């Protein structure tokens, strides 16, 4: 039995049920393989007031200190975020809170064999220090902005490189992020790609007519799903919508730009064709995907956009900007069309191309079925088992990643190749 301590600020809680759900999904897929016990430490920024007047900050106060999710104990210790210097101090704050709680759990009888950390900065840096303090091997997963934007800051880049050299293994969710991580100075031989999967049971084709009727839809409907923040490019989608008067748009998500986007829709004269749904619970998204004709994602950067696979699994093709891991998701006309020009005109061009060659919803679903979580869970378990078996002192030994690589069809070290030859 491998005892895993999961460490990340990216993890759902009762107040933020969609936050970091992809981390939880990978853990669940891994535990489904058997032979894994897990405890999660998912720190939450300290905020004293829970009244909704304070917006997203109040959700931090409403997060429980401890909860059990899908049979896994999840702890949410508070850490202090200091304005203006918060980013540079965050690894230290996370380390201190994580170490205090981990030692408390150990004193109560819990033991850990490996730390599974998500998001390189600040979480991964803090986890690398936890590994040193607790003498545990650490696996760090890079997921997007932590490798595409944060390393632009010199101090963060230096500490990401340090953490990479401490880690037993490093995971990225797409090849693009792996190349970026190696370019930052991470040891290439200790990196592997584990793409996010999709829950094919939750995200599956629905009664489309019923889904559309429930939302009162009529006509060709586009859908945006995600936070209303600048990099998601919802403003560009609104501008593209203005050029296609036969289309409507649903927007599922909340964020600081909602008021500005509502005003932008009015200025463009499309407010009557746009509906803001607000935050939609993960379990309710399948019916929204089913109701739409096309998902549109106009992001400036994305590690691995889970919404693309979720939509496809429900039978809905996508139009997505060709950034980071998008080309690893959209690789067939059954999946949708990539946008090479991140402009309203580029979005319209891609949308028109897709509409002229719309795949059947059955074809799109079939394409998504190749991205099941089961294979990812199997490979991740092999990775955790390998790091745990090597221990802290052997954390940089050759072969830690070998079984995971074999399961993923990647080249393995000579030692494993010889062992496999002898077993044949």
Protein backbone atom coordinates (compact mmCIF):
# COMPACT_ATOMS: atom_id res chain seq x y z
CA UNK A 1 0.00 0.00 0.00
CA UNK A 2 1.42 3.38 -1.02
CA UNK A 3 0.45 6.22 1.33
CA UNK A 4 0.19 9.49 -0.55
CA UNK A 5 0.14 13.02 0.81
CA UNK A 6 -1.46 15.24 -1.84
CA UNK A 7 -0.42 18.89 -1.49
CA UNK A 8 -1.96 21.69 -3.51
CA UNK A 9 -4.03 24.84 -3.24
CA UNK A 10 -5.77 23.55 -6.38
CA UNK A 11 -8.36 21.24 -4.86
CA UNK A 12 -12.16 21.45 -4.49
CA UNK A 13 -13.85 22.27 -1.22
CA UNK A 14 -17.45 22.66 -0.11
CA UNK A 15 -17.35 26.41 -0.83
CA UNK A 16 -15.51 26.03 -4.17
CA UNK A 17 -16.69 22.67 -5.59
CA UNK A 18 -15.22 23.27 -9.07
CA UNK A 19 -11.85 24.59 -7.91
CA UNK A 20 -9.05 22.29 -9.09
CA UNK A 21 -11.48 19.46 -9.74
CA UNK A 22 -9.03 17.98 -12.27
CA UNK A 23 -6.57 17.29 -9.43
CA UNK A 24 -9.26 15.45 -7.50
CA UNK A 25 -10.29 13.55 -10.63
CA UNK A 26 -6.77 12.28 -11.21
CA UNK A 27 -6.49 11.21 -7.59
CA UNK A 28 -9.80 9.36 -7.77
CA UNK A 29 -8.75 7.60 -10.98
CA UNK A 30 -5.48 6.61 -9.32
CA UNK A 31 -7.14 5.30 -6.16
CA UNK A 32 -9.56 3.28 -8.30
CA UNK A 33 -6.56 1.14 -9.30
CA UNK A 34 -6.25 -0.07 -5.69
CA UNK A 35 -3.20 -0.08 -3.44
CA UNK A 36 -3.28 3.68 -2.74
CA UNK A 37 -4.23 5.54 0.42
CA UNK A 38 -4.38 9.33 0.24
CA UNK A 39 -4.68 12.33 2.51
CA UNK A 40 -5.00 15.81 1.03
CA UNK A 41 -3.60 19.06 2.40
CA UNK A 42 -5.17 21.83 0.32
CA UNK A 43 -4.34 25.19 1.93
CA UNK A 44 -6.76 28.11 1.55
CA UNK A 45 -5.85 31.82 1.82
CA UNK A 46 -6.84 33.32 5.15
CA UNK A 47 -9.78 35.72 5.07
CA UNK A 48 -11.78 36.54 8.21
CA UNK A 49 -15.21 37.40 6.78
CA UNK A 50 -17.62 35.00 5.09
CA UNK A 51 -20.31 37.47 3.96
CA UNK A 52 -20.97 37.27 0.22
CA UNK A 53 -20.42 41.03 -0.01
CA UNK A 54 -16.70 40.25 -0.11
CA UNK A 55 -17.00 38.18 -3.29
CA UNK A 56 -14.48 35.45 -3.97
CA UNK A 57 -12.56 36.30 -0.79
CA UNK A 58 -15.55 35.27 1.30
CA UNK A 59 -15.42 31.79 -0.22
CA UNK A 60 -12.04 31.31 1.43
CA UNK A 61 -13.63 31.93 4.83
CA UNK A 62 -16.47 29.51 4.03
CA UNK A 63 -14.16 26.62 3.14
CA UNK A 64 -14.27 23.97 5.90
CA UNK A 65 -11.13 23.26 7.91
CA UNK A 66 -11.59 19.56 7.27
CA UNK A 67 -13.90 17.53 5.05
CA UNK A 68 -14.18 14.08 3.51
CA UNK A 69 -14.59 13.95 -0.25
CA UNK A 70 -15.17 10.61 -1.99
CA UNK A 71 -13.77 8.82 1.05
CA UNK A 72 -10.59 10.94 1.17
CA UNK A 73 -9.74 13.14 4.15
CA UNK A 74 -9.09 16.69 2.97
CA UNK A 75 -7.59 19.40 5.17
CA UNK A 76 -7.77 23.13 4.41
CA UNK A 77 -5.32 24.95 6.69
CA UNK A 78 -5.24 28.72 6.30
CA UNK A 79 -2.14 30.53 5.10
CA UNK A 80 -1.47 34.25 5.00
CA UNK A 81 -1.30 36.07 1.67
CA UNK A 82 0.49 39.39 2.01
CA UNK A 83 -0.59 42.09 -0.47
CA UNK A 84 2.08 43.17 -2.98
CA UNK A 85 4.65 40.66 -1.70
CA UNK A 86 2.26 37.70 -1.53
CA UNK A 87 3.70 35.88 -4.52
CA UNK A 88 7.25 35.83 -3.22
CA UNK A 89 6.22 34.90 0.32
CA UNK A 90 3.62 32.28 -0.69
CA UNK A 91 6.00 29.28 -0.87
CA UNK A 92 7.20 30.00 2.68
CA UNK A 93 3.64 30.45 3.98
CA UNK A 94 2.46 27.23 2.33
CA UNK A 95 5.48 25.30 3.58
CA UNK A 96 4.99 26.40 7.19
CA UNK A 97 1.29 25.57 7.26
CA UNK A 98 1.78 22.31 5.39
CA UNK A 99 4.64 21.16 7.60
CA UNK A 100 2.78 21.94 10.84
CA UNK A 101 -0.28 19.97 9.71
CA UNK A 102 1.72 17.06 8.25
CA UNK A 103 3.62 16.63 11.52
CA UNK A 104 0.36 16.84 13.44
CA UNK A 105 -1.07 14.05 11.29
CA UNK A 106 2.07 11.97 11.74
CA UNK A 107 1.90 12.43 15.50
CA UNK A 108 -1.68 11.10 15.36
CA UNK A 109 -0.43 7.94 13.66
CA UNK A 110 -0.65 8.69 9.94
CA UNK A 111 2.34 7.84 7.77
CA UNK A 112 3.23 8.94 4.25
CA UNK A 113 5.45 7.45 1.58
CA UNK A 114 5.36 10.14 -1.12
CA UNK A 115 4.16 13.71 -1.67
CA UNK A 116 2.04 14.37 -4.76
CA UNK A 117 2.11 18.15 -5.41
CA UNK A 118 0.23 20.12 -8.04
CA UNK A 119 1.12 23.53 -9.54
CA UNK A 120 4.82 24.32 -9.60
CA UNK A 121 4.69 27.75 -8.01
CA UNK A 122 4.14 28.34 -5.21
CA UNK A 123 2.77 24.88 -4.33
CA UNK A 124 5.52 22.76 -5.86
CA UNK A 125 8.28 24.85 -4.30
CA UNK A 126 6.64 24.50 -0.89
CA UNK A 127 6.18 20.76 -1.47
CA UNK A 128 9.86 20.33 -2.31
CA UNK A 129 10.73 21.88 1.04
CA UNK A 130 8.18 19.61 2.73
CA UNK A 131 9.90 16.64 1.14
CA UNK A 132 13.22 17.71 2.59
CA UNK A 133 11.77 18.34 6.05
CA UNK A 134 9.81 15.05 6.15
CA UNK A 135 12.37 13.05 4.12
CA UNK A 136 9.81 12.05 1.53
CA UNK A 137 10.13 11.85 -2.27
CA UNK A 138 8.10 14.48 -4.11
CA UNK A 139 6.31 14.42 -7.45
CA UNK A 140 5.31 17.82 -8.85
CA UNK A 141 2.75 18.36 -11.61
CA UNK A 142 2.90 21.50 -13.76
CA UNK A 143 -0.51 22.53 -15.05
CA UNK A 144 -0.41 25.77 -17.02
CA UNK A 145 0.26 29.31 -15.85
CA UNK A 146 2.81 27.98 -13.37
CA UNK A 147 5.01 27.15 -16.38
CA UNK A 148 3.80 29.60 -19.05
CA UNK A 149 3.63 32.91 -17.16
CA UNK A 150 4.94 32.75 -13.59
CA UNK A 151 8.53 31.85 -14.65
CA UNK A 152 8.77 35.28 -16.31
CA UNK A 153 9.50 36.57 -12.80
CA UNK A 154 13.17 35.96 -11.97
CA UNK A 155 12.72 34.87 -8.36
CA UNK A 156 9.90 32.46 -9.18
CA UNK A 157 11.86 30.99 -12.08
CA UNK A 158 14.87 30.36 -9.85
CA UNK A 159 12.77 28.61 -7.21
CA UNK A 160 10.88 26.53 -9.79
CA UNK A 161 14.25 25.32 -11.11
CA UNK A 162 15.37 24.49 -7.57
CA UNK A 163 12.19 22.51 -6.88
CA UNK A 164 12.57 20.65 -10.17
CA UNK A 165 16.01 19.43 -9.15
CA UNK A 166 14.70 18.29 -5.77
CA UNK A 167 11.75 16.35 -7.19
CA UNK A 168 11.79 12.61 -7.70
CA UNK A 169 9.68 13.09 -10.83
CA UNK A 170 7.87 15.89 -12.62
CA UNK A 171 4.62 15.60 -14.52
CA UNK A 172 3.12 18.00 -17.05
CA UNK A 173 -0.33 17.77 -18.58
CA UNK A 174 0.84 18.34 -22.15
CA UNK A 175 4.01 18.18 -24.27
CA UNK A 176 4.19 21.96 -24.58
CA UNK A 177 4.48 22.36 -20.81
CA UNK A 178 7.06 19.59 -20.63
CA UNK A 179 9.24 21.40 -23.17
CA UNK A 180 8.87 24.63 -21.19
CA UNK A 181 9.79 22.88 -17.95
CA UNK A 182 12.92 21.37 -19.49
CA UNK A 183 13.85 24.77 -20.95
CA UNK A 184 13.70 26.17 -17.40
CA UNK A 185 16.41 23.69 -16.43
CA UNK A 186 14.46 20.66 -15.15
CA UNK A 187 16.23 17.30 -15.64
CA UNK A 188 14.61 15.90 -18.78
CA UNK A 189 15.00 12.28 -17.67
CA UNK A 190 12.75 12.93 -14.66
CA UNK A 191 9.84 14.39 -16.64
CA UNK A 192 6.77 12.65 -18.05
CA UNK A 193 3.48 13.76 -19.61
CA UNK A 194 0.22 12.67 -17.95
CA UNK A 195 -2.61 14.35 -19.80
CA UNK A 196 -5.87 15.03 -18.00
CA UNK A 197 -8.63 12.61 -18.80
CA UNK A 198 -12.37 13.07 -18.79
CA UNK A 199 -15.06 11.40 -16.71
CA UNK A 200 -16.87 9.54 -19.48
CA UNK A 201 -19.70 8.52 -17.17
CA UNK A 202 -20.49 12.02 -15.94
CA UNK A 203 -19.84 13.73 -19.28
CA UNK A 204 -21.90 11.75 -21.74
CA UNK A 205 -24.59 12.55 -24.34
CA UNK A 206 -27.87 13.74 -22.84
CA UNK A 207 -31.40 14.18 -24.14
CA UNK A 208 -30.53 17.16 -26.31
CA UNK A 209 -34.09 18.34 -26.91
CA UNK A 210 -34.81 18.30 -23.18
CA UNK A 211 -31.56 20.12 -22.39
CA UNK A 212 -32.35 22.86 -24.92
CA UNK A 213 -35.92 23.16 -23.73
CA UNK A 214 -34.78 23.53 -20.11
CA UNK A 215 -32.65 26.50 -21.13
CA UNK A 216 -35.23 27.88 -23.55
CA UNK A 217 -32.84 27.71 -26.50
CA UNK A 218 -33.77 28.29 -30.11
CA UNK A 219 -31.26 28.41 -32.95
CA UNK A 220 -27.55 27.70 -33.26
CA UNK A 221 -25.98 28.05 -29.82
CA UNK A 222 -22.37 28.70 -28.86
CA UNK A 223 -21.08 28.05 -25.35
CA UNK A 224 -18.22 29.41 -23.26
CA UNK A 225 -17.31 27.63 -20.01
CA UNK A 226 -14.75 28.98 -17.55
CA UNK A 227 -13.74 31.87 -15.38
CA UNK A 228 -14.57 35.36 -16.58
CA UNK A 229 -10.98 36.55 -16.56
CA UNK A 230 -8.90 38.27 -19.27
CA UNK A 231 -7.00 35.27 -20.59
CA UNK A 232 -10.20 33.36 -21.41
CA UNK A 233 -11.00 35.81 -24.21
CA UNK A 234 -14.77 35.92 -23.75
CA UNK A 235 -14.70 39.49 -25.08
CA UNK A 236 -13.39 38.12 -28.37
CA UNK A 237 -16.20 35.59 -28.51
CA UNK A 238 -18.75 38.38 -28.02
CA UNK A 239 -17.16 40.31 -30.88
CA UNK A 240 -17.27 37.21 -33.06
CA UNK A 241 -20.93 36.72 -32.12
CA UNK A 242 -21.68 40.21 -33.42
CA UNK A 243 -20.53 39.02 -36.86
CA UNK A 244 -22.86 36.01 -36.86
CA UNK A 245 -26.43 37.20 -36.16
CA UNK A 246 -27.88 33.69 -36.47
CA UNK A 247 -26.00 32.50 -33.37
CA UNK A 248 -26.73 32.73 -29.64
CA UNK A 249 -24.22 32.45 -26.79
CA UNK A 250 -24.35 30.85 -23.35
CA UNK A 251 -21.63 31.80 -20.85
CA UNK A 252 -21.17 29.42 -17.89
CA UNK A 253 -18.81 30.81 -15.30
CA UNK A 254 -18.23 33.67 -12.92
CA UNK A 255 -15.43 36.09 -12.31
CA UNK A 256 -14.33 39.70 -12.03
CA UNK A 257 -15.09 40.58 -15.66
CA UNK A 258 -18.78 39.72 -15.65
CA UNK A 259 -20.06 43.31 -15.42
CA UNK A 260 -17.59 44.48 -18.05
CA UNK A 261 -18.58 41.66 -20.40
CA UNK A 262 -22.28 42.39 -19.92
CA UNK A 263 -21.59 46.03 -20.82
CA UNK A 264 -19.51 44.93 -23.81
CA UNK A 265 -22.39 42.76 -25.07
CA UNK A 266 -24.71 45.77 -24.86
CA UNK A 267 -22.28 48.00 -26.77
CA UNK A 268 -22.00 45.36 -29.49
CA UNK A 269 -25.78 45.02 -29.73
CA UNK A 270 -25.73 41.31 -28.90
CA UNK A 271 -27.03 41.38 -25.30
CA UNK A 272 -30.33 39.87 -26.41
CA UNK A 273 -28.50 36.85 -27.80
CA UNK A 274 -26.24 36.29 -24.79
CA UNK A 275 -27.11 34.63 -21.51
CA UNK A 276 -24.82 34.64 -18.48
CA UNK A 277 -25.51 31.48 -16.48
CA UNK A 278 -23.09 32.25 -13.64
CA UNK A 279 -21.18 29.46 -11.93
CA UNK A 280 -22.50 26.04 -12.95
CA UNK A 281 -21.82 23.06 -10.71
CA UNK A 282 -19.62 20.41 -12.26
CA UNK A 283 -22.39 17.83 -12.10
CA UNK A 284 -24.76 20.16 -13.97
CA UNK A 285 -22.41 20.97 -16.85
CA UNK A 286 -23.26 17.92 -19.02
CA UNK A 287 -26.76 19.20 -19.77
CA UNK A 288 -25.35 22.62 -20.67
CA UNK A 289 -22.83 21.03 -23.04
CA UNK A 290 -25.61 18.92 -24.55
CA UNK A 291 -27.74 21.98 -25.20
CA UNK A 292 -24.98 23.79 -27.12
CA UNK A 293 -23.97 23.25 -30.73
CA UNK A 294 -20.33 24.34 -30.32
CA UNK A 295 -18.05 25.09 -27.38
CA UNK A 296 -15.81 28.12 -28.03
CA UNK A 297 -12.58 28.63 -26.06
CA UNK A 298 -10.59 31.75 -26.96
CA UNK A 299 -7.88 31.56 -24.30
CA UNK A 300 -4.49 33.21 -24.66
CA UNK A 301 -2.91 30.32 -22.76
CA UNK A 302 -4.09 26.96 -21.37
CA UNK A 303 -2.07 24.04 -20.07
CA UNK A 304 -4.71 21.42 -20.81
CA UNK A 305 -8.22 22.81 -21.14
CA UNK A 306 -10.51 20.27 -19.49
CA UNK A 307 -13.62 21.94 -20.90
CA UNK A 308 -12.64 20.80 -24.39
CA UNK A 309 -12.79 17.11 -23.50
CA UNK A 310 -15.88 17.59 -21.34
CA UNK A 311 -17.75 19.13 -24.26
CA UNK A 312 -16.58 16.44 -26.70
CA UNK A 313 -17.57 13.67 -24.30
CA UNK A 314 -21.10 15.13 -24.37
CA UNK A 315 -20.99 15.11 -28.18
CA UNK A 316 -20.32 18.84 -28.63
CA UNK A 317 -17.46 19.81 -31.00
CA UNK A 318 -15.18 22.74 -30.19
CA UNK A 319 -13.55 25.82 -31.63
CA UNK A 320 -10.38 26.60 -29.63
CA UNK A 321 -7.37 28.84 -29.94
CA UNK A 322 -4.23 26.91 -30.82
CA UNK A 323 -2.28 27.52 -27.61
CA UNK A 324 -0.18 25.21 -25.45
CA UNK A 325 -1.88 21.78 -25.18
CA UNK A 326 -4.86 22.54 -27.43
CA UNK A 327 -3.35 20.82 -30.45
CA UNK A 328 -2.92 17.67 -28.35
CA UNK A 329 -6.65 17.68 -27.59
CA UNK A 330 -8.11 18.73 -30.95
CA UNK A 331 -6.47 16.33 -33.40
CA UNK A 332 -9.37 15.32 -35.62
CA UNK A 333 -12.24 16.92 -37.49
CA UNK A 334 -14.50 14.93 -35.15
CA UNK A 335 -13.17 17.03 -32.27
CA UNK A 336 -13.51 20.46 -33.85
CA UNK A 337 -11.33 23.22 -35.27
CA UNK A 338 -8.29 25.08 -33.95
CA UNK A 339 -7.99 28.86 -34.29
CA UNK A 340 -4.57 30.11 -35.37
CA UNK A 341 -5.46 33.82 -35.23
CA UNK A 342 -6.75 34.85 -31.80
CA UNK A 343 -9.04 37.57 -33.13
CA UNK A 344 -12.81 37.84 -33.62
CA UNK A 345 -12.19 37.27 -37.35
CA UNK A 346 -10.13 34.17 -36.61
CA UNK A 347 -12.89 32.78 -34.40
CA UNK A 348 -15.54 33.44 -37.05
CA UNK A 349 -13.41 31.78 -39.72
CA UNK A 350 -12.94 28.66 -37.59
CA UNK A 351 -16.61 28.58 -36.61
CA UNK A 352 -17.72 28.84 -40.25
CA UNK A 353 -15.34 26.03 -41.19
CA UNK A 354 -16.73 23.81 -38.44
CA UNK A 355 -20.34 24.57 -39.41
CA UNK A 356 -19.64 23.57 -43.00
CA UNK A 357 -18.20 20.26 -41.81
CA UNK A 358 -20.07 19.53 -38.59
CA UNK A 359 -19.28 16.07 -37.23
CA UNK A 360 -22.10 14.01 -35.81
CA UNK A 361 -22.39 14.13 -32.05
CA UNK A 362 -21.76 10.38 -32.04
CA UNK A 363 -18.43 10.90 -33.85
CA UNK A 364 -17.38 13.59 -31.37
CA UNK A 365 -18.26 11.40 -28.39
CA UNK A 366 -16.35 8.47 -29.89
CA UNK A 367 -13.27 10.69 -30.27
CA UNK A 368 -13.43 11.73 -26.61
CA UNK A 369 -13.62 8.13 -25.44
CA UNK A 370 -9.89 7.76 -26.16
CA UNK A 371 -9.21 10.12 -23.21
CA UNK A 372 -10.52 8.00 -20.35
CA UNK A 373 -9.11 8.65 -16.87
CA UNK A 374 -8.48 4.91 -16.36
CA UNK A 375 -5.18 4.81 -18.29
CA UNK A 376 -3.98 8.00 -16.62
CA UNK A 377 -4.83 6.60 -13.20
CA UNK A 378 -2.88 3.43 -13.91
CA UNK A 379 0.21 5.35 -15.02
CA UNK A 380 -0.02 7.78 -12.10
CA UNK A 381 -0.24 4.90 -9.63
CA UNK A 382 2.89 3.40 -11.18
CA UNK A 383 4.64 6.74 -10.77
CA UNK A 384 3.63 7.12 -7.13
CA UNK A 385 4.57 3.51 -6.38
CA UNK A 386 7.96 3.96 -8.06
CA UNK A 387 8.80 7.12 -6.14
CA UNK A 388 7.61 5.62 -2.85
CA UNK A 389 9.67 2.45 -3.38
CA UNK A 390 12.80 4.49 -4.10
CA UNK A 391 12.29 6.59 -1.00
CA UNK A 392 13.90 9.90 -0.15
CA UNK A 393 17.49 8.74 -0.49
CA UNK A 394 16.81 7.05 -3.82
CA UNK A 395 14.55 9.74 -5.19
CA UNK A 396 16.83 10.52 -8.12
CA UNK A 397 17.67 6.92 -8.97
CA UNK A 398 17.14 5.71 -12.52
CA UNK A 399 14.01 3.74 -13.10
CA UNK A 400 11.59 5.65 -10.84
CA UNK A 401 9.52 6.66 -13.88
CA UNK A 402 10.02 3.48 -15.90
CA UNK A 403 6.80 1.59 -15.25
CA UNK A 404 4.72 4.72 -15.78
CA UNK A 405 6.53 5.34 -19.08
CA UNK A 406 5.99 1.76 -20.16
CA UNK A 407 2.24 2.08 -19.52
CA UNK A 408 2.19 5.32 -21.52
CA UNK A 409 4.14 3.79 -24.39
CA UNK A 410 7.21 5.99 -23.83
CA UNK A 411 10.87 4.86 -23.89
CA UNK A 412 12.09 3.35 -20.62
CA UNK A 413 15.55 2.99 -19.11
CA UNK A 414 17.84 0.13 -20.01
CA UNK A 415 17.40 -1.45 -16.57
CA UNK A 416 13.68 -1.97 -17.10
CA UNK A 417 14.14 -3.10 -20.70
CA UNK A 418 16.52 -5.82 -19.49
CA UNK A 419 14.09 -6.89 -16.78
CA UNK A 420 11.25 -7.09 -19.30
CA UNK A 421 13.40 -9.13 -21.69
CA UNK A 422 14.25 -11.60 -18.93
CA UNK A 423 10.56 -12.03 -18.05
CA UNK A 424 9.56 -12.92 -21.60
